[in-house]
N, C-alpha and C. Protein backbone atom coordinates (compact mmCIF):
# COMPACT_ATOMS: atom_id res chain seq x y z
N UNK A 1 66.06 194.23 205.79
CA UNK A 1 66.20 193.00 205.07
C UNK A 1 66.82 191.96 206.00
N UNK A 2 66.23 190.81 206.01
CA UNK A 2 66.69 189.75 206.91
C UNK A 2 67.87 189.03 206.27
N UNK A 3 68.78 188.59 207.15
CA UNK A 3 69.96 187.85 206.67
C UNK A 3 69.61 186.37 206.67
N UNK A 4 69.79 185.76 205.55
CA UNK A 4 69.48 184.35 205.40
C UNK A 4 70.75 183.52 205.54
N UNK A 5 70.62 182.36 206.18
CA UNK A 5 71.77 181.46 206.30
C UNK A 5 72.03 180.72 205.00
N UNK A 6 71.05 180.74 204.17
CA UNK A 6 71.21 180.08 202.87
C UNK A 6 71.58 181.15 201.85
N UNK A 7 72.45 180.80 200.99
CA UNK A 7 72.81 181.74 199.93
C UNK A 7 72.84 180.98 198.62
N UNK A 8 72.70 181.74 197.60
CA UNK A 8 72.74 181.12 196.28
C UNK A 8 74.08 181.43 195.65
N UNK A 9 74.57 180.42 194.96
CA UNK A 9 75.83 180.63 194.25
C UNK A 9 75.54 181.30 192.92
N UNK A 10 76.57 181.58 192.21
CA UNK A 10 76.40 182.31 190.96
C UNK A 10 75.62 181.50 189.92
N UNK A 11 75.61 180.17 190.04
CA UNK A 11 74.87 179.38 189.06
C UNK A 11 73.43 179.11 189.50
N UNK A 12 73.02 179.65 190.64
CA UNK A 12 71.63 179.56 191.07
C UNK A 12 71.34 178.40 192.01
N UNK A 13 72.35 177.57 192.31
CA UNK A 13 72.09 176.46 193.23
C UNK A 13 72.20 176.96 194.66
N UNK A 14 71.51 176.29 195.54
CA UNK A 14 71.47 176.73 196.91
C UNK A 14 72.61 176.07 197.69
N UNK A 15 73.26 176.85 198.58
CA UNK A 15 74.32 176.33 199.43
C UNK A 15 73.91 176.53 200.87
N UNK A 16 74.41 175.73 201.73
CA UNK A 16 74.11 175.88 203.14
C UNK A 16 73.82 174.55 203.78
N UNK A 17 73.11 174.58 204.89
CA UNK A 17 72.84 173.37 205.66
C UNK A 17 71.95 172.39 204.92
N UNK A 18 71.03 172.89 204.17
CA UNK A 18 70.08 171.99 203.53
C UNK A 18 70.57 171.45 202.19
N UNK A 19 71.80 171.73 201.83
CA UNK A 19 72.32 171.20 200.56
C UNK A 19 72.37 169.68 200.65
N UNK A 20 72.01 169.04 199.57
CA UNK A 20 71.95 167.59 199.54
C UNK A 20 73.37 167.02 199.45
N UNK A 21 73.70 166.18 200.46
CA UNK A 21 75.00 165.49 200.47
C UNK A 21 74.74 164.00 200.33
N UNK A 22 75.42 163.35 199.41
CA UNK A 22 75.21 161.90 199.28
C UNK A 22 75.74 161.19 200.52
N UNK A 23 74.97 160.24 201.02
CA UNK A 23 75.40 159.49 202.20
C UNK A 23 75.56 158.04 201.82
N UNK A 24 76.67 157.46 202.29
CA UNK A 24 76.90 156.05 202.06
C UNK A 24 76.24 155.22 203.15
N UNK A 25 76.44 153.93 203.08
CA UNK A 25 75.90 153.03 204.09
C UNK A 25 76.70 153.25 205.37
N UNK A 26 76.04 153.49 206.48
CA UNK A 26 76.76 153.70 207.74
C UNK A 26 77.60 152.47 208.11
N UNK A 27 78.74 152.71 208.69
CA UNK A 27 79.67 151.64 209.03
C UNK A 27 79.04 150.65 210.00
N UNK A 28 78.27 151.15 210.95
CA UNK A 28 77.70 150.23 211.94
C UNK A 28 76.74 149.23 211.31
N UNK A 29 76.08 149.60 210.23
CA UNK A 29 75.20 148.64 209.54
C UNK A 29 76.01 147.53 208.88
N UNK A 30 77.12 147.90 208.29
CA UNK A 30 77.99 146.90 207.66
C UNK A 30 78.53 145.95 208.71
N UNK A 31 79.00 146.50 209.82
CA UNK A 31 79.53 145.67 210.91
C UNK A 31 78.44 144.76 211.45
N UNK A 32 77.24 145.26 211.60
CA UNK A 32 76.13 144.46 212.11
C UNK A 32 75.81 143.30 211.17
N UNK A 33 75.78 143.55 209.89
CA UNK A 33 75.50 142.50 208.92
C UNK A 33 76.60 141.43 208.95
N UNK A 34 77.85 141.85 209.04
CA UNK A 34 78.97 140.90 209.09
C UNK A 34 78.88 140.05 210.36
N UNK A 35 78.59 140.66 211.50
CA UNK A 35 78.48 139.92 212.75
C UNK A 35 77.32 138.93 212.72
N UNK A 36 76.21 139.32 212.15
CA UNK A 36 75.07 138.40 212.03
C UNK A 36 75.43 137.22 211.12
N UNK A 37 76.13 137.49 210.03
CA UNK A 37 76.54 136.41 209.12
C UNK A 37 77.51 135.46 209.81
N UNK A 38 78.48 135.99 210.55
CA UNK A 38 79.43 135.14 211.27
C UNK A 38 78.72 134.32 212.34
N UNK A 39 77.80 134.94 213.04
CA UNK A 39 77.03 134.22 214.06
C UNK A 39 76.23 133.08 213.45
N UNK A 40 75.64 133.31 212.29
CA UNK A 40 74.87 132.26 211.62
C UNK A 40 75.77 131.11 211.19
N UNK A 41 76.97 131.41 210.70
CA UNK A 41 77.91 130.36 210.31
C UNK A 41 78.36 129.54 211.51
N UNK A 42 78.69 130.21 212.60
CA UNK A 42 79.11 129.49 213.80
C UNK A 42 77.98 128.62 214.32
N UNK A 43 76.76 129.14 214.31
CA UNK A 43 75.61 128.35 214.76
C UNK A 43 75.39 127.13 213.87
N UNK A 44 75.52 127.32 212.57
CA UNK A 44 75.28 126.22 211.63
C UNK A 44 76.35 125.12 211.74
N UNK A 45 77.58 125.50 212.01
CA UNK A 45 78.69 124.54 212.05
C UNK A 45 79.18 124.25 213.46
N UNK A 46 78.37 124.52 214.48
CA UNK A 46 78.83 124.35 215.86
C UNK A 46 79.12 122.89 216.21
N UNK A 47 78.31 121.96 215.75
CA UNK A 47 78.53 120.55 216.08
C UNK A 47 79.78 119.99 215.40
N UNK A 48 79.98 120.19 214.10
CA UNK A 48 81.22 119.69 213.50
C UNK A 48 82.47 120.36 214.08
N UNK A 49 82.39 121.65 214.36
CA UNK A 49 83.55 122.34 214.94
C UNK A 49 83.90 121.75 216.30
N UNK A 50 82.90 121.51 217.13
CA UNK A 50 83.15 120.95 218.45
C UNK A 50 83.70 119.53 218.35
N UNK A 51 83.16 118.74 217.44
CA UNK A 51 83.63 117.36 217.27
C UNK A 51 85.08 117.31 216.80
N UNK A 52 85.43 118.14 215.83
CA UNK A 52 86.82 118.19 215.36
C UNK A 52 87.75 118.67 216.47
N UNK A 53 87.30 119.66 217.22
CA UNK A 53 88.11 120.18 218.32
C UNK A 53 88.32 119.12 219.40
N UNK A 54 87.29 118.35 219.71
CA UNK A 54 87.40 117.30 220.70
C UNK A 54 88.35 116.19 220.24
N UNK A 55 88.27 115.83 218.97
CA UNK A 55 89.18 114.82 218.43
C UNK A 55 90.63 115.32 218.46
N UNK A 56 90.84 116.57 218.10
CA UNK A 56 92.19 117.13 218.11
C UNK A 56 92.77 117.24 219.49
N UNK A 57 91.97 117.67 220.46
CA UNK A 57 92.48 117.78 221.83
C UNK A 57 92.72 116.40 222.44
N UNK A 58 91.89 115.42 222.10
CA UNK A 58 92.09 114.06 222.61
C UNK A 58 93.40 113.48 222.09
N UNK A 59 93.63 113.63 220.81
CA UNK A 59 94.87 113.14 220.19
C UNK A 59 96.08 113.83 220.82
N UNK A 60 96.01 115.14 220.96
CA UNK A 60 97.14 115.90 221.49
C UNK A 60 97.43 115.53 222.94
N UNK A 61 96.39 115.42 223.76
CA UNK A 61 96.60 115.08 225.17
C UNK A 61 97.24 113.71 225.32
N UNK A 62 96.76 112.75 224.56
CA UNK A 62 97.30 111.40 224.68
C UNK A 62 98.73 111.31 224.16
N UNK A 63 99.02 111.97 223.06
CA UNK A 63 100.38 111.91 222.49
C UNK A 63 101.40 112.63 223.38
N UNK A 64 101.04 113.78 223.90
CA UNK A 64 101.97 114.50 224.79
C UNK A 64 102.15 113.74 226.09
N UNK A 65 101.07 113.16 226.62
CA UNK A 65 101.17 112.36 227.84
C UNK A 65 102.12 111.18 227.62
N UNK A 66 101.97 110.48 226.52
CA UNK A 66 102.85 109.35 226.21
C UNK A 66 104.29 109.80 226.05
N UNK A 67 104.48 110.89 225.38
CA UNK A 67 105.82 111.42 225.16
C UNK A 67 106.49 111.81 226.48
N UNK A 68 105.72 112.46 227.35
CA UNK A 68 106.27 112.95 228.63
C UNK A 68 106.49 111.83 229.64
N UNK A 69 105.47 111.00 229.86
CA UNK A 69 105.52 110.08 230.98
C UNK A 69 105.90 108.65 230.62
N UNK A 70 105.75 108.26 229.36
CA UNK A 70 106.23 106.95 228.93
C UNK A 70 107.64 107.03 228.37
N UNK A 71 107.86 107.98 227.47
CA UNK A 71 109.17 108.12 226.85
C UNK A 71 110.14 108.94 227.71
N UNK A 72 109.62 109.72 228.65
CA UNK A 72 110.46 110.51 229.55
C UNK A 72 111.13 111.70 228.90
N UNK A 73 110.56 112.22 227.84
CA UNK A 73 111.14 113.38 227.16
C UNK A 73 110.73 114.68 227.83
N UNK A 74 111.42 115.75 227.49
CA UNK A 74 111.09 117.06 228.06
C UNK A 74 109.86 117.64 227.35
N UNK A 75 109.28 118.64 227.98
CA UNK A 75 108.09 119.28 227.41
C UNK A 75 108.38 119.90 226.05
N UNK A 76 109.52 120.52 225.91
CA UNK A 76 109.89 121.15 224.64
C UNK A 76 110.06 120.15 223.52
N UNK A 77 110.65 118.99 223.83
CA UNK A 77 110.83 117.96 222.81
C UNK A 77 109.47 117.41 222.36
N UNK A 78 108.56 117.24 223.29
CA UNK A 78 107.25 116.68 222.95
C UNK A 78 106.43 117.66 222.12
N UNK A 79 106.44 118.93 222.49
CA UNK A 79 105.64 119.91 221.76
C UNK A 79 106.21 120.20 220.38
N UNK A 80 107.50 119.96 220.19
CA UNK A 80 108.10 120.22 218.87
C UNK A 80 107.66 119.17 217.84
N UNK A 81 107.08 118.06 218.28
CA UNK A 81 106.65 117.00 217.37
C UNK A 81 105.26 117.24 216.79
N UNK A 82 104.59 118.28 217.24
CA UNK A 82 103.25 118.58 216.74
C UNK A 82 103.30 119.02 215.29
N UNK A 83 102.21 118.75 214.58
CA UNK A 83 102.07 119.23 213.21
C UNK A 83 101.90 120.74 213.21
N UNK A 84 102.12 121.35 212.06
CA UNK A 84 101.95 122.80 211.94
C UNK A 84 100.50 123.22 212.08
N UNK A 85 99.55 122.36 211.81
CA UNK A 85 98.13 122.69 211.89
C UNK A 85 97.57 122.70 213.30
N UNK A 86 98.38 122.37 214.28
CA UNK A 86 97.87 122.29 215.65
C UNK A 86 98.22 123.53 216.47
N UNK A 87 98.26 124.67 215.83
CA UNK A 87 98.59 125.91 216.52
C UNK A 87 97.51 126.34 217.50
N UNK A 88 96.29 125.87 217.32
CA UNK A 88 95.18 126.27 218.16
C UNK A 88 95.07 125.42 219.42
N UNK A 89 95.82 124.33 219.49
CA UNK A 89 95.76 123.44 220.65
C UNK A 89 96.81 123.88 221.67
N UNK A 90 96.35 124.12 222.89
CA UNK A 90 97.24 124.52 223.97
C UNK A 90 97.38 123.35 224.94
N UNK A 91 98.58 123.20 225.50
CA UNK A 91 98.90 122.06 226.34
C UNK A 91 99.24 122.53 227.75
N UNK A 92 98.74 121.78 228.74
CA UNK A 92 99.06 122.03 230.14
C UNK A 92 99.38 120.69 230.79
N UNK A 93 100.60 120.54 231.31
CA UNK A 93 101.01 119.29 231.93
C UNK A 93 101.05 119.46 233.45
N UNK A 94 100.58 118.44 234.16
CA UNK A 94 100.60 118.42 235.62
C UNK A 94 101.51 117.28 236.05
N UNK A 95 102.72 117.62 236.52
CA UNK A 95 103.71 116.62 236.89
C UNK A 95 103.27 115.81 238.12
N UNK A 96 102.58 116.45 239.06
CA UNK A 96 102.14 115.76 240.28
C UNK A 96 101.14 114.65 239.96
N UNK A 97 100.14 114.96 239.18
CA UNK A 97 99.10 113.99 238.82
C UNK A 97 99.52 113.10 237.66
N UNK A 98 100.59 113.48 236.99
CA UNK A 98 101.07 112.80 235.78
C UNK A 98 99.97 112.78 234.72
N UNK A 99 99.48 113.98 234.42
CA UNK A 99 98.43 114.12 233.42
C UNK A 99 98.73 115.30 232.52
N UNK A 100 98.11 115.27 231.36
CA UNK A 100 98.26 116.33 230.36
C UNK A 100 96.86 116.73 229.90
N UNK A 101 96.61 118.03 229.89
CA UNK A 101 95.35 118.56 229.39
C UNK A 101 95.62 119.37 228.13
N UNK A 102 94.89 119.05 227.08
CA UNK A 102 94.96 119.80 225.82
C UNK A 102 93.61 120.49 225.64
N UNK A 103 93.66 121.75 225.20
CA UNK A 103 92.40 122.48 225.03
C UNK A 103 92.48 123.46 223.88
N UNK A 104 91.32 123.69 223.30
CA UNK A 104 91.13 124.75 222.32
C UNK A 104 90.13 125.69 222.97
N UNK A 105 90.52 126.94 223.23
CA UNK A 105 89.65 127.85 223.98
C UNK A 105 88.24 127.94 223.39
N UNK A 106 87.27 127.86 224.27
CA UNK A 106 85.84 127.98 223.98
C UNK A 106 85.25 126.81 223.18
N UNK A 107 86.06 125.81 222.85
CA UNK A 107 85.53 124.69 222.06
C UNK A 107 85.61 123.35 222.77
N UNK A 108 86.82 122.94 223.16
CA UNK A 108 86.97 121.60 223.70
C UNK A 108 88.18 121.51 224.60
N UNK A 109 88.14 120.54 225.51
CA UNK A 109 89.24 120.26 226.41
C UNK A 109 89.26 118.77 226.69
N UNK A 110 90.45 118.17 226.75
CA UNK A 110 90.55 116.75 227.04
C UNK A 110 91.79 116.49 227.87
N UNK A 111 91.70 115.57 228.83
CA UNK A 111 92.81 115.24 229.72
C UNK A 111 93.17 113.77 229.57
N UNK A 112 94.48 113.50 229.54
CA UNK A 112 94.99 112.13 229.52
C UNK A 112 95.82 111.94 230.78
N UNK A 113 95.54 110.87 231.53
CA UNK A 113 96.25 110.54 232.76
C UNK A 113 97.13 109.33 232.53
N UNK A 114 98.35 109.37 233.10
CA UNK A 114 99.23 108.21 233.03
C UNK A 114 98.87 107.26 234.16
N UNK A 115 98.65 105.98 233.82
CA UNK A 115 98.35 104.95 234.81
C UNK A 115 99.32 103.80 234.61
N UNK A 116 99.95 103.38 235.70
CA UNK A 116 100.90 102.27 235.61
C UNK A 116 100.19 101.03 235.07
N UNK A 117 100.82 100.39 234.11
CA UNK A 117 100.26 99.18 233.51
C UNK A 117 99.31 99.44 232.35
N UNK A 118 98.80 100.68 232.24
CA UNK A 118 97.86 101.01 231.17
C UNK A 118 98.39 102.07 230.21
N UNK A 119 99.33 102.84 230.65
CA UNK A 119 99.84 103.94 229.84
C UNK A 119 98.99 105.18 230.02
N UNK A 120 98.87 105.99 229.00
CA UNK A 120 98.09 107.22 229.07
C UNK A 120 96.66 106.93 228.63
N UNK A 121 95.72 107.25 229.51
CA UNK A 121 94.32 106.95 229.29
C UNK A 121 93.53 108.27 229.30
N UNK A 122 92.68 108.42 228.30
CA UNK A 122 91.84 109.61 228.22
C UNK A 122 90.70 109.54 229.22
N UNK A 123 90.32 110.68 229.76
CA UNK A 123 89.14 110.74 230.60
C UNK A 123 87.91 110.54 229.74
N UNK A 124 86.83 110.13 230.35
CA UNK A 124 85.59 109.89 229.60
C UNK A 124 85.09 111.17 228.95
N UNK A 125 84.56 111.05 227.74
CA UNK A 125 84.00 112.21 227.05
C UNK A 125 82.65 112.55 227.63
N UNK A 126 82.37 113.82 227.68
CA UNK A 126 81.07 114.28 228.15
C UNK A 126 80.27 114.81 226.97
N UNK A 127 79.04 114.36 226.83
CA UNK A 127 78.19 114.85 225.74
C UNK A 127 77.25 115.90 226.22
């Protein structure tokens, strides 16, 4: 008599490898759908996001430049005046060139230079 890998339980149902197990949706499919949806949203709103980011970085660069080089305040004093909503804007000041660059990673960057007689002037926007 041959030994079978499948056996029957006392109620007559079959047990073993071929027993039917319910399977849920694989995790990678869920992740893939979420990534595609996020990609579609970013693609659809790319122009408004970039425009808002450019406006925010322009404002930040000019205000920090004015605070640093016109008012003569320290970097800490100038950055403490930012609104709470500007957490995504990063600031880099160059004391030698007397300029301030504000940027939002992967979206926008803007530089304001201090010029005698003119104050802080933004660099030309690139489209």
